[in-house]
PDB file of all heavy atoms in Angstrom:
ATOM      1  N   SER A   1      -3.748  27.696  10.349  1.00  0.00           N
ATOM      2  CA  SER A   1      -4.386  28.627   9.406  1.00  0.00           C
ATOM      3  C   SER A   1      -3.473  29.044   8.268  1.00  0.00           C
ATOM      4  O   SER A   1      -3.937  29.525   7.244  1.00  0.00           O
ATOM      5  CB  SER A   1      -4.883  29.861  10.167  1.00  0.00           C
ATOM      6  OG  SER A   1      -3.789  30.498  10.824  1.00  0.00           O
ATOM      7  N   ASP A   2      -2.181  28.908   8.422  1.00  0.00           N
ATOM      8  CA  ASP A   2      -1.194  29.334   7.416  1.00  0.00           C
ATOM      9  C   ASP A   2      -0.555  28.123   6.762  1.00  0.00           C
ATOM     10  O   ASP A   2       0.144  27.341   7.422  1.00  0.00           O
ATOM     11  CB  ASP A   2      -0.137  30.194   8.096  1.00  0.00           C
ATOM     12  CG  ASP A   2       0.833  30.819   7.109  1.00  0.00           C
ATOM     13  OD1 ASP A   2       0.860  30.390   5.933  1.00  0.00           O
ATOM     14  OD2 ASP A   2       1.562  31.767   7.503  1.00  0.00           O
ATOM     15  N   GLU A   3      -0.786  27.973   5.470  1.00  0.00           N
ATOM     16  CA  GLU A   3      -0.253  26.826   4.750  1.00  0.00           C
ATOM     17  C   GLU A   3       1.259  26.783   4.747  1.00  0.00           C
ATOM     18  O   GLU A   3       1.872  25.714   4.592  1.00  0.00           O
ATOM     19  CB  GLU A   3      -0.770  26.826   3.283  1.00  0.00           C
ATOM     20  CG  GLU A   3      -2.252  26.541   3.149  1.00  0.00           C
ATOM     21  CD  GLU A   3      -2.646  25.167   3.653  1.00  0.00           C
ATOM     22  OE1 GLU A   3      -1.839  24.211   3.482  1.00  0.00           O
ATOM     23  OE2 GLU A   3      -3.726  25.012   4.248  1.00  0.00           O
ATOM     24  N   ASN A   4       1.896  27.914   4.935  1.00  0.00           N
ATOM     25  CA  ASN A   4       3.354  27.966   4.971  1.00  0.00           C
ATOM     26  C   ASN A   4       3.964  27.570   6.309  1.00  0.00           C
ATOM     27  O   ASN A   4       5.124  27.267   6.430  1.00  0.00           O
ATOM     28  CB  ASN A   4       3.864  29.349   4.597  1.00  0.00           C
ATOM     29  CG  ASN A   4       3.505  29.739   3.173  1.00  0.00           C
ATOM     30  OD1 ASN A   4       3.619  28.897   2.250  1.00  0.00           O
ATOM     31  ND2 ASN A   4       3.086  30.980   2.965  1.00  0.00           N
ATOM     32  N   GLN A   5       3.079  27.568   7.357  1.00  0.00           N
ATOM     33  CA  GLN A   5       3.577  27.278   8.697  1.00  0.00           C
ATOM     34  C   GLN A   5       3.010  25.986   9.312  1.00  0.00           C
ATOM     35  O   GLN A   5       3.574  25.470  10.288  1.00  0.00           O
ATOM     36  CB  GLN A   5       3.262  28.443   9.647  1.00  0.00           C
ATOM     37  CG  GLN A   5       3.955  29.740   9.278  1.00  0.00           C
ATOM     38  CD  GLN A   5       3.757  30.819  10.335  1.00  0.00           C
ATOM     39  OE1 GLN A   5       4.291  30.761  11.434  1.00  0.00           O
ATOM     40  NE2 GLN A   5       2.924  31.812  10.004  1.00  0.00           N
ATOM     41  N   ILE A   6       1.956  25.483   8.739  1.00  0.00           N
ATOM     42  CA  ILE A   6       1.353  24.260   9.289  1.00  0.00           C
ATOM     43  C   ILE A   6       2.334  23.119   9.137  1.00  0.00           C
ATOM     44  O   ILE A   6       3.053  22.988   8.172  1.00  0.00           O
ATOM     45  CB  ILE A   6       0.025  23.951   8.549  1.00  0.00           C
ATOM     46  CG1 ILE A   6      -0.695  22.778   9.250  1.00  0.00           C
ATOM     47  CG2 ILE A   6       0.241  23.661   7.078  1.00  0.00           C
ATOM     48  CD1 ILE A   6      -2.089  22.525   8.726  1.00  0.00           C
ATOM     49  N   GLN A   7       2.382  22.281  10.197  1.00  0.00           N
ATOM     50  CA  GLN A   7       3.367  21.164  10.220  1.00  0.00           C
ATOM     51  C   GLN A   7       2.652  19.850  10.411  1.00  0.00           C
ATOM     52  O   GLN A   7       1.454  19.802  10.720  1.00  0.00           O
ATOM     53  CB  GLN A   7       4.383  21.388  11.349  1.00  0.00           C
ATOM     54  CG  GLN A   7       5.223  22.650  11.171  1.00  0.00           C
ATOM     55  CD  GLN A   7       6.191  22.853  12.334  1.00  0.00           C
ATOM     56  OE1 GLN A   7       6.248  22.059  13.254  1.00  0.00           O
ATOM     57  NE2 GLN A   7       6.950  23.942  12.275  1.00  0.00           N
ATOM     58  N   GLU A   8       3.417  18.758  10.203  1.00  0.00           N
ATOM     59  CA  GLU A   8       2.890  17.430  10.471  1.00  0.00           C
ATOM     60  C   GLU A   8       2.693  17.273  11.994  1.00  0.00           C
ATOM     61  O   GLU A   8       3.393  17.883  12.777  1.00  0.00           O
ATOM     62  CB  GLU A   8       3.857  16.328   9.965  1.00  0.00           C
ATOM     63  CG  GLU A   8       3.951  16.263   8.450  1.00  0.00           C
ATOM     64  CD  GLU A   8       2.694  15.702   7.808  1.00  0.00           C
ATOM     65  OE1 GLU A   8       1.703  15.378   8.534  1.00  0.00           O
ATOM     66  OE2 GLU A   8       2.674  15.638   6.568  1.00  0.00           O
ATOM     67  N   PRO A   9       1.698  16.499  12.405  1.00  0.00           N
ATOM     68  CA  PRO A   9       0.832  15.618  11.588  1.00  0.00           C
ATOM     69  C   PRO A   9      -0.376  16.332  10.993  1.00  0.00           C
ATOM     70  O   PRO A   9      -1.223  15.702  10.349  1.00  0.00           O
ATOM     71  CB  PRO A   9       0.392  14.577  12.607  1.00  0.00           C
ATOM     72  CG  PRO A   9       0.330  15.334  13.883  1.00  0.00           C
ATOM     73  CD  PRO A   9       1.481  16.299  13.844  1.00  0.00           C
ATOM     74  N   PHE A  10      -0.463  17.661  11.204  1.00  0.00           N
ATOM     75  CA  PHE A  10      -1.659  18.391  10.769  1.00  0.00           C
ATOM     76  C   PHE A  10      -1.730  18.543   9.228  1.00  0.00           C
ATOM     77  O   PHE A  10      -2.810  18.652   8.683  1.00  0.00           O
ATOM     78  CB  PHE A  10      -1.681  19.752  11.467  1.00  0.00           C
ATOM     79  CG  PHE A  10      -1.808  19.631  12.960  1.00  0.00           C
ATOM     80  CD1 PHE A  10      -0.644  19.715  13.745  1.00  0.00           C
ATOM     81  CD2 PHE A  10      -2.996  19.396  13.571  1.00  0.00           C
ATOM     82  CE1 PHE A  10      -0.707  19.576  15.117  1.00  0.00           C
ATOM     83  CE2 PHE A  10      -3.100  19.269  14.932  1.00  0.00           C
ATOM     84  CZ  PHE A  10      -1.939  19.337  15.721  1.00  0.00           C
ATOM     85  N   VAL A  11      -0.568  18.574   8.575  1.00  0.00           N
ATOM     86  CA  VAL A  11      -0.571  18.661   7.092  1.00  0.00           C
ATOM     87  C   VAL A  11      -1.300  17.483   6.517  1.00  0.00           C
ATOM     88  O   VAL A  11      -2.213  17.613   5.696  1.00  0.00           O
ATOM     89  CB  VAL A  11       0.875  18.722   6.560  1.00  0.00           C
ATOM     90  CG1 VAL A  11       0.859  18.654   5.040  1.00  0.00           C
ATOM     91  CG2 VAL A  11       1.581  19.999   7.008  1.00  0.00           C
ATOM     92  N   SER A  12      -0.920  16.279   6.920  1.00  0.00           N
ATOM     93  CA  SER A  12      -1.566  15.071   6.406  1.00  0.00           C
ATOM     94  C   SER A  12      -3.001  14.981   6.834  1.00  0.00           C
ATOM     95  O   SER A  12      -3.874  14.592   6.070  1.00  0.00           O
ATOM     96  CB  SER A  12      -0.793  13.814   6.877  1.00  0.00           C
ATOM     97  OG  SER A  12       0.501  13.786   6.324  1.00  0.00           O
ATOM     98  N   PHE A  13      -3.252  15.341   8.081  1.00  0.00           N
ATOM     99  CA  PHE A  13      -4.619  15.247   8.600  1.00  0.00           C
ATOM    100  C   PHE A  13      -5.591  16.061   7.763  1.00  0.00           C
ATOM    101  O   PHE A  13      -6.658  15.596   7.388  1.00  0.00           O
ATOM    102  CB  PHE A  13      -4.665  15.731  10.080  1.00  0.00           C
ATOM    103  CG  PHE A  13      -6.019  15.590  10.720  1.00  0.00           C
ATOM    104  CD1 PHE A  13      -6.389  14.410  11.344  1.00  0.00           C
ATOM    105  CD2 PHE A  13      -6.938  16.649  10.680  1.00  0.00           C
ATOM    106  CE1 PHE A  13      -7.625  14.293  11.948  1.00  0.00           C
ATOM    107  CE2 PHE A  13      -8.171  16.507  11.259  1.00  0.00           C
ATOM    108  CZ  PHE A  13      -8.536  15.342  11.910  1.00  0.00           C
ATOM    109  N   PHE A  14      -5.209  17.324   7.465  1.00  0.00           N
ATOM    110  CA  PHE A  14      -6.111  18.196   6.745  1.00  0.00           C
ATOM    111  C   PHE A  14      -6.000  18.051   5.221  1.00  0.00           C
ATOM    112  O   PHE A  14      -7.015  18.013   4.537  1.00  0.00           O
ATOM    113  CB  PHE A  14      -5.882  19.643   7.151  1.00  0.00           C
ATOM    114  CG  PHE A  14      -6.414  19.982   8.508  1.00  0.00           C
ATOM    115  CD1 PHE A  14      -5.565  20.210   9.564  1.00  0.00           C
ATOM    116  CD2 PHE A  14      -7.780  20.040   8.715  1.00  0.00           C
ATOM    117  CE1 PHE A  14      -6.062  20.503  10.817  1.00  0.00           C
ATOM    118  CE2 PHE A  14      -8.287  20.346   9.965  1.00  0.00           C
ATOM    119  CZ  PHE A  14      -7.422  20.569  11.038  1.00  0.00           C
ATOM    120  N   ASN A  15      -4.809  17.979   4.692  1.00  0.00           N
ATOM    121  CA  ASN A  15      -4.626  17.973   3.229  1.00  0.00           C
ATOM    122  C   ASN A  15      -4.963  16.642   2.586  1.00  0.00           C
ATOM    123  O   ASN A  15      -5.281  16.602   1.393  1.00  0.00           O
ATOM    124  CB  ASN A  15      -3.179  18.399   2.877  1.00  0.00           C
ATOM    125  CG  ASN A  15      -2.891  19.822   3.247  1.00  0.00           C
ATOM    126  OD1 ASN A  15      -3.790  20.568   3.671  1.00  0.00           O
ATOM    127  ND2 ASN A  15      -1.643  20.240   3.089  1.00  0.00           N
ATOM    128  N   ILE A  16      -4.871  15.555   3.328  1.00  0.00           N
ATOM    129  CA  ILE A  16      -5.184  14.244   2.743  1.00  0.00           C
ATOM    130  C   ILE A  16      -6.486  13.704   3.323  1.00  0.00           C
ATOM    131  O   ILE A  16      -7.457  13.461   2.598  1.00  0.00           O
ATOM    132  CB  ILE A  16      -4.041  13.238   3.017  1.00  0.00           C
ATOM    133  CG1 ILE A  16      -2.722  13.739   2.416  1.00  0.00           C
ATOM    134  CG2 ILE A  16      -4.402  11.846   2.493  1.00  0.00           C
ATOM    135  CD1 ILE A  16      -1.504  12.884   2.737  1.00  0.00           C
ATOM    136  N   TYR A  17      -6.527  13.559   4.662  1.00  0.00           N
ATOM    137  CA  TYR A  17      -7.627  12.785   5.263  1.00  0.00           C
ATOM    138  C   TYR A  17      -8.890  13.596   5.479  1.00  0.00           C
ATOM    139  O   TYR A  17      -9.984  13.031   5.438  1.00  0.00           O
ATOM    140  CB  TYR A  17      -7.150  12.121   6.524  1.00  0.00           C
ATOM    141  CG  TYR A  17      -6.191  10.989   6.237  1.00  0.00           C
ATOM    142  CD1 TYR A  17      -4.814  11.162   6.376  1.00  0.00           C
ATOM    143  CD2 TYR A  17      -6.634   9.784   5.774  1.00  0.00           C
ATOM    144  CE1 TYR A  17      -3.931  10.134   6.050  1.00  0.00           C
ATOM    145  CE2 TYR A  17      -5.786   8.728   5.461  1.00  0.00           C
ATOM    146  CZ  TYR A  17      -4.430   8.922   5.604  1.00  0.00           C
ATOM    147  OH  TYR A  17      -3.558   7.921   5.277  1.00  0.00           O
ATOM    148  N   GLU A  18      -8.781  14.894   5.685  1.00  0.00           N
ATOM    149  CA  GLU A  18     -10.022  15.673   5.786  1.00  0.00           C
ATOM    150  C   GLU A  18     -10.715  15.670   4.436  1.00  0.00           C
ATOM    151  O   GLU A  18     -11.953  15.535   4.386  1.00  0.00           O
ATOM    152  CB  GLU A  18      -9.727  17.119   6.212  1.00  0.00           C
ATOM    153  CG  GLU A  18     -11.011  17.922   6.435  1.00  0.00           C
ATOM    154  CD  GLU A  18     -10.741  19.335   6.885  1.00  0.00           C
ATOM    155  OE1 GLU A  18     -10.108  20.079   6.138  1.00  0.00           O
ATOM    156  OE2 GLU A  18     -11.213  19.711   7.992  1.00  0.00           O
ATOM    157  N   ASN A  19      -9.971  15.756   3.359  1.00  0.00           N
ATOM    158  CA  ASN A  19     -10.575  15.691   2.028  1.00  0.00           C
ATOM    159  C   ASN A  19     -11.218  14.344   1.769  1.00  0.00           C
ATOM    160  O   ASN A  19     -12.335  14.256   1.219  1.00  0.00           O
ATOM    161  CB  ASN A  19      -9.511  15.975   0.961  1.00  0.00           C
ATOM    162  CG  ASN A  19      -9.005  17.412   0.993  1.00  0.00           C
ATOM    163  OD1 ASN A  19      -9.720  18.304   1.467  1.00  0.00           O
ATOM    164  ND2 ASN A  19      -7.786  17.642   0.519  1.00  0.00           N
ATOM    165  N   LEU A  20     -10.555  13.283   2.211  1.00  0.00           N
ATOM    166  CA  LEU A  20     -11.090  11.939   2.032  1.00  0.00           C
ATOM    167  C   LEU A  20     -12.362  11.760   2.874  1.00  0.00           C
ATOM    168  O   LEU A  20     -13.348  11.200   2.393  1.00  0.00           O
ATOM    169  CB  LEU A  20     -10.041  10.907   2.432  1.00  0.00           C
ATOM    170  CG  LEU A  20     -10.424   9.421   2.216  1.00  0.00           C
ATOM    171  CD1 LEU A  20     -10.655   9.130   0.727  1.00  0.00           C
ATOM    172  CD2 LEU A  20      -9.332   8.529   2.762  1.00  0.00           C
ATOM    173  N   ARG A  21     -12.301  12.244   4.076  1.00  0.00           N
ATOM    174  CA  ARG A  21     -13.483  12.165   4.942  1.00  0.00           C
ATOM    175  C   ARG A  21     -14.655  12.937   4.355  1.00  0.00           C
ATOM    176  O   ARG A  21     -15.796  12.478   4.341  1.00  0.00           O
ATOM    177  CB  ARG A  21     -13.139  12.661   6.332  1.00  0.00           C
ATOM    178  CG  ARG A  21     -14.339  12.832   7.291  1.00  0.00           C
ATOM    179  CD  ARG A  21     -14.819  14.250   7.314  1.00  0.00           C
ATOM    180  NE  ARG A  21     -15.933  14.440   8.215  1.00  0.00           N
ATOM    181  CZ  ARG A  21     -16.646  15.527   8.275  1.00  0.00           C
ATOM    182  NH1 ARG A  21     -16.384  16.577   7.467  1.00  0.00           N
ATOM    183  NH2 ARG A  21     -17.665  15.646   9.131  1.00  0.00           N
ATOM    184  N   ASN A  22     -14.377  14.162   3.861  1.00  0.00           N
ATOM    185  CA  ASN A  22     -15.444  14.985   3.274  1.00  0.00           C
ATOM    186  C   ASN A  22     -16.083  14.300   2.092  1.00  0.00           C
ATOM    187  O   ASN A  22     -17.289  14.361   1.879  1.00  0.00           O
ATOM    188  CB  ASN A  22     -14.888  16.345   2.897  1.00  0.00           C
ATOM    189  CG  ASN A  22     -14.541  17.197   4.103  1.00  0.00           C
ATOM    190  OD1 ASN A  22     -14.983  16.933   5.219  1.00  0.00           O
ATOM    191  ND2 ASN A  22     -13.753  18.230   3.891  1.00  0.00           N
ATOM    192  N   SER A  23     -15.240  13.657   1.284  1.00  0.00           N
ATOM    193  CA  SER A  23     -15.787  12.943   0.098  1.00  0.00           C
ATOM    194  C   SER A  23     -16.657  11.766   0.538  1.00  0.00           C
ATOM    195  O   SER A  23     -17.709  11.472  -0.077  1.00  0.00           O
ATOM    196  CB  SER A  23     -14.657  12.422  -0.787  1.00  0.00           C
ATOM    197  OG  SER A  23     -13.987  13.510  -1.405  1.00  0.00           O
ATOM    198  N   ALA A  24     -16.227  11.058   1.575  1.00  0.00           N
ATOM    199  CA  ALA A  24     -16.983   9.905   2.061  1.00  0.00           C
ATOM    200  C   ALA A  24     -18.314  10.330   2.683  1.00  0.00           C
ATOM    201  O   ALA A  24     -19.291   9.582   2.602  1.00  0.00           O
ATOM    202  CB  ALA A  24     -16.131   9.117   3.075  1.00  0.00           C
ATOM    203  N   VAL A  25     -18.344  11.529   3.291  1.00  0.00           N
ATOM    204  CA  VAL A  25     -19.567  12.000   3.923  1.00  0.00           C
ATOM    205  C   VAL A  25     -20.539  12.621   2.939  1.00  0.00           C
ATOM    206  O   VAL A  25     -21.733  12.395   2.961  1.00  0.00           O
ATOM    207  CB  VAL A  25     -19.220  12.983   5.051  1.00  0.00           C
ATOM    208  CG1 VAL A  25     -20.471  13.632   5.631  1.00  0.00           C
ATOM    209  CG2 VAL A  25     -18.448  12.293   6.170  1.00  0.00           C
ATOM    210  N   HIS A  26     -20.026  13.503   2.056  1.00  0.00           N
ATOM    211  CA  HIS A  26     -20.874  14.156   1.050  1.00  0.00           C
ATOM    212  C   HIS A  26     -20.109  14.205  -0.286  1.00  0.00           C
ATOM    213  O   HIS A  26     -19.543  15.244  -0.642  1.00  0.00           O
ATOM    214  CB  HIS A  26     -21.319  15.545   1.524  1.00  0.00           C
ATOM    215  CG  HIS A  26     -20.361  16.267   2.408  1.00  0.00           C
ATOM    216  ND1 HIS A  26     -19.171  16.814   1.958  1.00  0.00           N
ATOM    217  CD2 HIS A  26     -20.406  16.491   3.732  1.00  0.00           C
ATOM    218  CE1 HIS A  26     -18.567  17.399   2.965  1.00  0.00           C
ATOM    219  NE2 HIS A  26     -19.266  17.208   4.047  1.00  0.00           N
ATOM    220  N   PHE A  27     -20.162  13.087  -0.969  1.00  0.00           N
ATOM    221  CA  PHE A  27     -19.339  12.927  -2.163  1.00  0.00           C
ATOM    222  C   PHE A  27     -19.832  13.772  -3.336  1.00  0.00           C
ATOM    223  O   PHE A  27     -21.029  14.024  -3.514  1.00  0.00           O
ATOM    224  CB  PHE A  27     -19.315  11.438  -2.604  1.00  0.00           C
ATOM    225  CG  PHE A  27     -18.525  11.212  -3.847  1.00  0.00           C
ATOM    226  CD1 PHE A  27     -17.147  11.240  -3.844  1.00  0.00           C
ATOM    227  CD2 PHE A  27     -19.169  11.014  -5.069  1.00  0.00           C
ATOM    228  CE1 PHE A  27     -16.389  11.062  -4.993  1.00  0.00           C
ATOM    229  CE2 PHE A  27     -18.432  10.827  -6.254  1.00  0.00           C
ATOM    230  CZ  PHE A  27     -17.064  10.843  -6.205  1.00  0.00           C
ATOM    231  N   SER A  28     -18.860  14.205  -4.133  1.00  0.00           N
ATOM    232  CA  SER A  28     -19.116  14.828  -5.399  1.00  0.00           C
ATOM    233  C   SER A  28     -17.968  14.395  -6.333  1.00  0.00           C
ATOM    234  O   SER A  28     -16.841  14.208  -5.884  1.00  0.00           O
ATOM    235  CB  SER A  28     -19.100  16.359  -5.277  1.00  0.00           C
ATOM    236  OG  SER A  28     -18.966  16.987  -6.540  1.00  0.00           O
ATOM    237  N   PRO A  29     -18.238  14.215  -7.653  1.00  0.00           N
ATOM    238  CA  PRO A  29     -17.182  13.817  -8.573  1.00  0.00           C
ATOM    239  C   PRO A  29     -15.977  14.790  -8.601  1.00  0.00           C
ATOM    240  O   PRO A  29     -14.892  14.409  -9.034  1.00  0.00           O
ATOM    241  CB  PRO A  29     -17.878  13.799  -9.932  1.00  0.00           C
ATOM    242  CG  PRO A  29     -19.315  13.529  -9.603  1.00  0.00           C
ATOM    243  CD  PRO A  29     -19.562  14.245  -8.324  1.00  0.00           C
ATOM    244  N   THR A  30     -16.195  15.994  -8.095  1.00  0.00           N
ATOM    245  CA  THR A  30     -15.098  16.968  -8.074  1.00  0.00           C
ATOM    246  C   THR A  30     -14.212  16.838  -6.841  1.00  0.00           C
ATOM    247  O   THR A  30     -13.177  17.512  -6.759  1.00  0.00           O
ATOM    248  CB  THR A  30     -15.656  18.402  -8.123  1.00  0.00           C
ATOM    249  OG1 THR A  30     -16.462  18.641  -6.973  1.00  0.00           O
ATOM    250  CG2 THR A  30     -16.492  18.626  -9.385  1.00  0.00           C
ATOM    251  N   LYS A  31     -14.627  15.982  -5.898  1.00  0.00           N
ATOM    252  CA  LYS A  31     -13.892  15.841  -4.653  1.00  0.00           C
ATOM    253  C   LYS A  31     -12.951  14.629  -4.714  1.00  0.00           C
ATOM    254  O   LYS A  31     -12.822  13.953  -5.712  1.00  0.00           O
ATOM    255  CB  LYS A  31     -14.860  15.687  -3.482  1.00  0.00           C
ATOM    256  CG  LYS A  31     -15.676  16.957  -3.207  1.00  0.00           C
ATOM    257  CD  LYS A  31     -16.578  16.787  -1.992  1.00  0.00           C
ATOM    258  CE  LYS A  31     -17.321  18.091  -1.721  1.00  0.00           C
ATOM    259  NZ  LYS A  31     -18.212  17.936  -0.551  1.00  0.00           N
ATOM    260  N   GLU A  32     -12.314  14.355  -3.570  1.00  0.00           N
ATOM    261  CA  GLU A  32     -11.390  13.237  -3.426  1.00  0.00           C
ATOM    262  C   GLU A  32     -12.063  11.920  -3.836  1.00  0.00           C
ATOM    263  O   GLU A  32     -13.200  11.649  -3.489  1.00  0.00           O
ATOM    264  CB  GLU A  32     -10.918  13.127  -1.991  1.00  0.00           C
ATOM    265  CG  GLU A  32      -9.808  12.162  -1.736  1.00  0.00           C
ATOM    266  CD  GLU A  32      -8.428  12.665  -2.147  1.00  0.00           C
ATOM    267  OE1 GLU A  32      -8.297  13.888  -2.311  1.00  0.00           O
ATOM    268  OE2 GLU A  32      -7.507  11.838  -2.278  1.00  0.00           O
ATOM    269  N   GLN A  33     -11.334  11.097  -4.573  1.00  0.00           N
ATOM    270  CA  GLN A  33     -11.871   9.849  -5.055  1.00  0.00           C
ATOM    271  C   GLN A  33     -12.065   8.845  -3.910  1.00  0.00           C
ATOM    272  O   GLN A  33     -11.191   8.688  -3.053  1.00  0.00           O
ATOM    273  CB  GLN A  33     -10.905   9.216  -6.094  1.00  0.00           C
ATOM    274  CG  GLN A  33     -11.383   7.944  -6.735  1.00  0.00           C
ATOM    275  CD  GLN A  33     -12.724   8.135  -7.447  1.00  0.00           C
ATOM    276  OE1 GLN A  33     -13.753   7.650  -6.991  1.00  0.00           O
ATOM    277  NE2 GLN A  33     -12.700   8.854  -8.562  1.00  0.00           N
ATOM    278  N   ILE A  34     -13.271   8.233  -3.852  1.00  0.00           N
ATOM    279  CA  ILE A  34     -13.504   7.233  -2.815  1.00  0.00           C
ATOM    280  C   ILE A  34     -13.701   5.837  -3.442  1.00  0.00           C
ATOM    281  O   ILE A  34     -13.970   4.881  -2.707  1.00  0.00           O
ATOM    282  CB  ILE A  34     -14.726   7.597  -1.926  1.00  0.00           C
ATOM    283  CG1 ILE A  34     -15.991   7.714  -2.763  1.00  0.00           C
ATOM    284  CG2 ILE A  34     -14.477   8.865  -1.163  1.00  0.00           C
ATOM    285  CD1 ILE A  34     -17.261   7.848  -1.894  1.00  0.00           C
ATOM    286  N   TRP A  35     -13.580   5.725  -4.767  1.00  0.00           N
ATOM    287  CA  TRP A  35     -13.645   4.434  -5.417  1.00  0.00           C
ATOM    288  C   TRP A  35     -12.212   3.884  -5.397  1.00  0.00           C
ATOM    289  O   TRP A  35     -11.465   4.062  -6.349  1.00  0.00           O
ATOM    290  CB  TRP A  35     -14.178   4.568  -6.834  1.00  0.00           C
ATOM    291  CG  TRP A  35     -14.688   3.260  -7.388  1.00  0.00           C
ATOM    292  CD1 TRP A  35     -14.019   2.081  -7.431  1.00  0.00           C
ATOM    293  CD2 TRP A  35     -15.953   3.021  -7.962  1.00  0.00           C
ATOM    294  NE1 TRP A  35     -14.777   1.092  -7.989  1.00  0.00           N
ATOM    295  CE2 TRP A  35     -16.011   1.662  -8.335  1.00  0.00           C
ATOM    296  CE3 TRP A  35     -17.072   3.816  -8.218  1.00  0.00           C
ATOM    297  CZ2 TRP A  35     -17.115   1.097  -8.960  1.00  0.00           C
ATOM    298  CZ3 TRP A  35     -18.163   3.241  -8.823  1.00  0.00           C
ATOM    299  CH2 TRP A  35     -18.189   1.906  -9.190  1.00  0.00           C
ATOM    300  N   LEU A  36     -11.870   3.229  -4.343  1.00  0.00           N
ATOM    301  CA  LEU A  36     -10.511   2.716  -4.155  1.00  0.00           C
ATOM    302  C   LEU A  36     -10.512   1.187  -3.994  1.00  0.00           C
ATOM    303  O   LEU A  36     -11.500   0.610  -3.619  1.00  0.00           O
ATOM    304  CB  LEU A  36      -9.865   3.343  -2.884  1.00  0.00           C
ATOM    305  CG  LEU A  36      -9.854   4.858  -2.823  1.00  0.00           C
ATOM    306  CD1 LEU A  36      -9.349   5.303  -1.439  1.00  0.00           C
ATOM    307  CD2 LEU A  36      -8.948   5.447  -3.902  1.00  0.00           C
TER     308      LEU A  36
END
């Protein structure tokens, strides 16, 4: 819950891949790019 205390592998899981997953499930141009 605290961005200053969260550690790997949870940093990558939430900050990178949760965003990518969310875009793939319900995409919006304002979200993570899925045209890769």
